[in-house]
C-alpha atoms as a PDB file:
ATOM      1  CA  MET A   1       1.980   2.715 -10.998  1.00  0.00           C
ATOM      2  CA  THR A   2       1.702  -0.528 -11.856  1.00  0.00           C
ATOM      3  CA  LEU A   3       4.217  -3.290 -12.081  1.00  0.00           C
ATOM      4  CA  ASP A   4       4.286  -6.635 -13.765  1.00  0.00           C
ATOM      5  CA  LEU A   5       6.301  -9.164 -12.079  1.00  0.00           C
ATOM      6  CA  GLU A   6      10.281  -8.836 -13.567  1.00  0.00           C
ATOM      7  CA  LYS A   7       9.591  -4.705 -13.249  1.00  0.00           C
ATOM      8  CA  ALA A   8       8.658  -5.867  -9.465  1.00  0.00           C
ATOM      9  CA  ALA A   9      11.457  -8.517  -8.914  1.00  0.00           C
ATOM     10  CA  GLN A  10      14.218  -5.639 -10.373  1.00  0.00           C
ATOM     11  CA  MET A  11      12.987  -2.794  -8.088  1.00  0.00           C
ATOM     12  CA  SER A  12      13.616  -5.393  -4.793  1.00  0.00           C
ATOM     13  CA  THR A  13      16.791  -4.789  -4.763  1.00  0.00           C
ATOM     14  CA  LEU A  14      16.705  -1.446  -4.623  1.00  0.00           C
ATOM     15  CA  PRO A  15      17.572   0.506  -1.503  1.00  0.00           C
ATOM     16  CA  TRP A  16      14.716   1.918  -0.007  1.00  0.00           C
ATOM     17  CA  GLU A  17      15.264   5.206  -1.018  1.00  0.00           C
ATOM     18  CA  GLU A  18      15.276   4.575  -4.790  1.00  0.00           C
ATOM     19  CA  TYR A  19      11.654   3.677  -4.362  1.00  0.00           C
ATOM     20  CA  PRO A  20       9.186   5.590  -6.705  1.00  0.00           C
ATOM     21  CA  ASP A  21       6.649   7.531  -4.242  1.00  0.00           C
ATOM     22  CA  SER A  22       3.719   5.522  -5.249  1.00  0.00           C
ATOM     23  CA  VAL A  23       3.986   2.243  -6.561  1.00  0.00           C
ATOM     24  CA  ILE A  24       1.843  -1.043  -6.369  1.00  0.00           C
ATOM     25  CA  LEU A  25       3.104  -4.301  -7.071  1.00  0.00           C
ATOM     26  CA  PRO A  26       2.067  -7.588  -8.245  1.00  0.00           C
ATOM     27  CA  ALA A  27       0.161  -9.333  -5.356  1.00  0.00           C
ATOM     28  CA  GLY A  28       1.831 -12.464  -3.883  1.00  0.00           C
ATOM     29  CA  THR A  29       5.091 -10.657  -4.508  1.00  0.00           C
ATOM     30  CA  ALA A  30       6.661  -9.716  -1.030  1.00  0.00           C
ATOM     31  CA  GLN A  31       8.249 -13.442  -0.620  1.00  0.00           C
ATOM     32  CA  LYS A  32      10.775 -11.869  -3.315  1.00  0.00           C
ATOM     33  CA  TYR A  33      11.956  -8.752  -1.720  1.00  0.00           C
ATOM     34  CA  ASP A  34      14.907  -8.289   0.566  1.00  0.00           C
ATOM     35  CA  VAL A  35      14.048  -5.620   2.834  1.00  0.00           C
ATOM     36  CA  SER A  36      16.671  -5.742   5.557  1.00  0.00           C
ATOM     37  CA  GLY A  37      18.665  -3.016   4.187  1.00  0.00           C
ATOM     38  CA  TRP A  38      16.267  -0.820   4.904  1.00  0.00           C
ATOM     39  CA  ARG A  39      16.926  -1.471   9.064  1.00  0.00           C
ATOM     40  CA  TYR A  40      19.683  -0.413  11.567  1.00  0.00           C
ATOM     41  CA  MET A  41      18.501  -2.751  14.326  1.00  0.00           C
ATOM     42  CA  LYS A  42      17.874  -6.700  14.168  1.00  0.00           C
ATOM     43  CA  PRO A  43      16.642  -8.807  16.755  1.00  0.00           C
ATOM     44  CA  VAL A  44      18.252 -12.018  18.153  1.00  0.00           C
ATOM     45  CA  LEU A  45      17.208 -14.950  19.911  1.00  0.00           C
ATOM     46  CA  ASP A  46      19.029 -15.788  23.384  1.00  0.00           C
ATOM     47  CA  PRO A  47      17.640 -19.906  22.810  1.00  0.00           C
ATOM     48  CA  GLU A  48      18.480 -20.517  26.677  1.00  0.00           C
ATOM     49  CA  LYS A  49      15.640 -17.711  27.805  1.00  0.00           C
ATOM     50  CA  CYS A  50      13.096 -18.503  24.658  1.00  0.00           C
ATOM     51  CA  THR A  51      10.154 -20.560  25.860  1.00  0.00           C
ATOM     52  CA  ASP A  52       9.503 -20.894  22.796  1.00  0.00           C
ATOM     53  CA  CYS A  53       5.208 -19.561  24.253  1.00  0.00           C
ATOM     54  CA  GLY A  54       5.145 -17.637  19.788  1.00  0.00           C
ATOM     55  CA  MET A  55       4.367 -13.864  21.060  1.00  0.00           C
ATOM     56  CA  CYS A  56       7.199 -12.901  18.861  1.00  0.00           C
ATOM     57  CA  TRP A  57       6.351 -14.915  15.318  1.00  0.00           C
ATOM     58  CA  LEU A  58       2.327 -14.058  16.271  1.00  0.00           C
ATOM     59  CA  TYR A  59       3.474 -10.041  16.242  1.00  0.00           C
ATOM     60  CA  CYS A  60       5.340 -10.095  13.577  1.00  0.00           C
ATOM     61  CA  PRO A  61       4.211  -8.249  10.588  1.00  0.00           C
ATOM     62  CA  ASP A  62       6.874  -9.138   7.978  1.00  0.00           C
ATOM     63  CA  ASN A  63       6.235 -13.085   8.638  1.00  0.00           C
ATOM     64  CA  ALA A  64      10.188 -12.956   9.623  1.00  0.00           C
ATOM     65  CA  VAL A  65      10.283 -15.196  12.526  1.00  0.00           C
ATOM     66  CA  ILE A  66      10.954 -18.807  12.086  1.00  0.00           C
ATOM     67  CA  PHE A  67       8.726 -20.939  14.247  1.00  0.00           C
ATOM     68  CA  GLU A  68       8.511 -25.147  13.129  1.00  0.00           C
ATOM     69  CA  ASN A  69       6.931 -27.922  15.132  1.00  0.00           C
ATOM     70  CA  GLY A  70       7.041 -25.278  17.885  1.00  0.00           C
ATOM     71  CA  LYS A  71       9.629 -24.111  17.991  1.00  0.00           C
ATOM     72  CA  MET A  72      11.213 -20.811  17.763  1.00  0.00           C
ATOM     73  CA  LYS A  73      14.197 -21.580  15.078  1.00  0.00           C
ATOM     74  CA  GLY A  74      15.177 -17.662  14.924  1.00  0.00           C
ATOM     75  CA  PHE A  75      14.618 -15.281  12.508  1.00  0.00           C
ATOM     76  CA  LEU A  76      14.720 -14.531   8.125  1.00  0.00           C
ATOM     77  CA  TYR A  77      16.776 -11.679   8.297  1.00  0.00           C
ATOM     78  CA  GLN A  78      15.814 -11.089   4.371  1.00  0.00           C
ATOM     79  CA  HIS A  79      12.165  -9.887   5.709  1.00  0.00           C
ATOM     80  CA  CYS A  80      12.763  -8.066   9.080  1.00  0.00           C
ATOM     81  CA  LYS A  81      13.126  -4.332   8.455  1.00  0.00           C
ATOM     82  CA  GLY A  82      14.282  -4.488  12.572  1.00  0.00           C
ATOM     83  CA  CYS A  83      10.234  -3.680  13.681  1.00  0.00           C
ATOM     84  CA  SER A  84      11.231  -4.558  17.097  1.00  0.00           C
ATOM     85  CA  TYR A  85       7.845  -6.012  17.709  1.00  0.00           C
ATOM     86  CA  CYS A  86       8.745  -9.517  18.201  1.00  0.00           C
ATOM     87  CA  ALA A  87      11.174  -7.991  20.863  1.00  0.00           C
ATOM     88  CA  GLN A  88       8.457  -5.763  22.446  1.00  0.00           C
ATOM     89  CA  VAL A  89       6.062  -8.889  22.976  1.00  0.00           C
ATOM     90  CA  CYS A  90       8.301 -11.008  24.267  1.00  0.00           C
ATOM     91  CA  PRO A  91       7.915 -12.014  27.536  1.00  0.00           C
ATOM     92  CA  VAL A  92      10.580 -13.321  29.012  1.00  0.00           C
ATOM     93  CA  ASN A  93      13.243 -11.199  27.328  1.00  0.00           C
ATOM     94  CA  ALA A  94      14.396 -14.064  25.383  1.00  0.00           C
ATOM     95  CA  ILE A  95      15.062 -11.469  21.991  1.00  0.00           C
ATOM     96  CA  THR A  96      16.887  -8.650  21.817  1.00  0.00           C
ATOM     97  CA  MET A  97      17.820  -6.141  19.455  1.00  0.00           C
ATOM     98  CA  VAL A  98      21.076  -5.122  18.518  1.00  0.00           C
ATOM     99  CA  GLU A  99      22.726  -2.607  16.377  1.00  0.00           C
ATOM    100  CA  GLU A 100      23.288  -4.407  12.439  1.00  0.00           C
ATOM    101  CA  ILE A 101      26.538  -4.262  11.272  1.00  0.00           C
ATOM    102  CA  LYS A 102      27.143  -3.925   7.645  1.00  0.00           C
END
């Protein structure tokens, strides 16, 4: 099933369990989706340890790492699904995964 932008925007508020089995979403709509409900662990940055190497930004599949002017600023949690790639590739262990509290 192919969705138009209006239907895609409505679906973006659904929990993942309510998504249909087969959906083709319009291109360029990923920024509209809040996937924070998909995770049970979230990354937390320790700015004291961070060396701003950018590895977290490079490996994040969801563009959820805020990296501005060569500095790690934090995370866009609405786009983070908790995959933990950022924590796994951090060479100084500045990112830890903590249980999501809702």
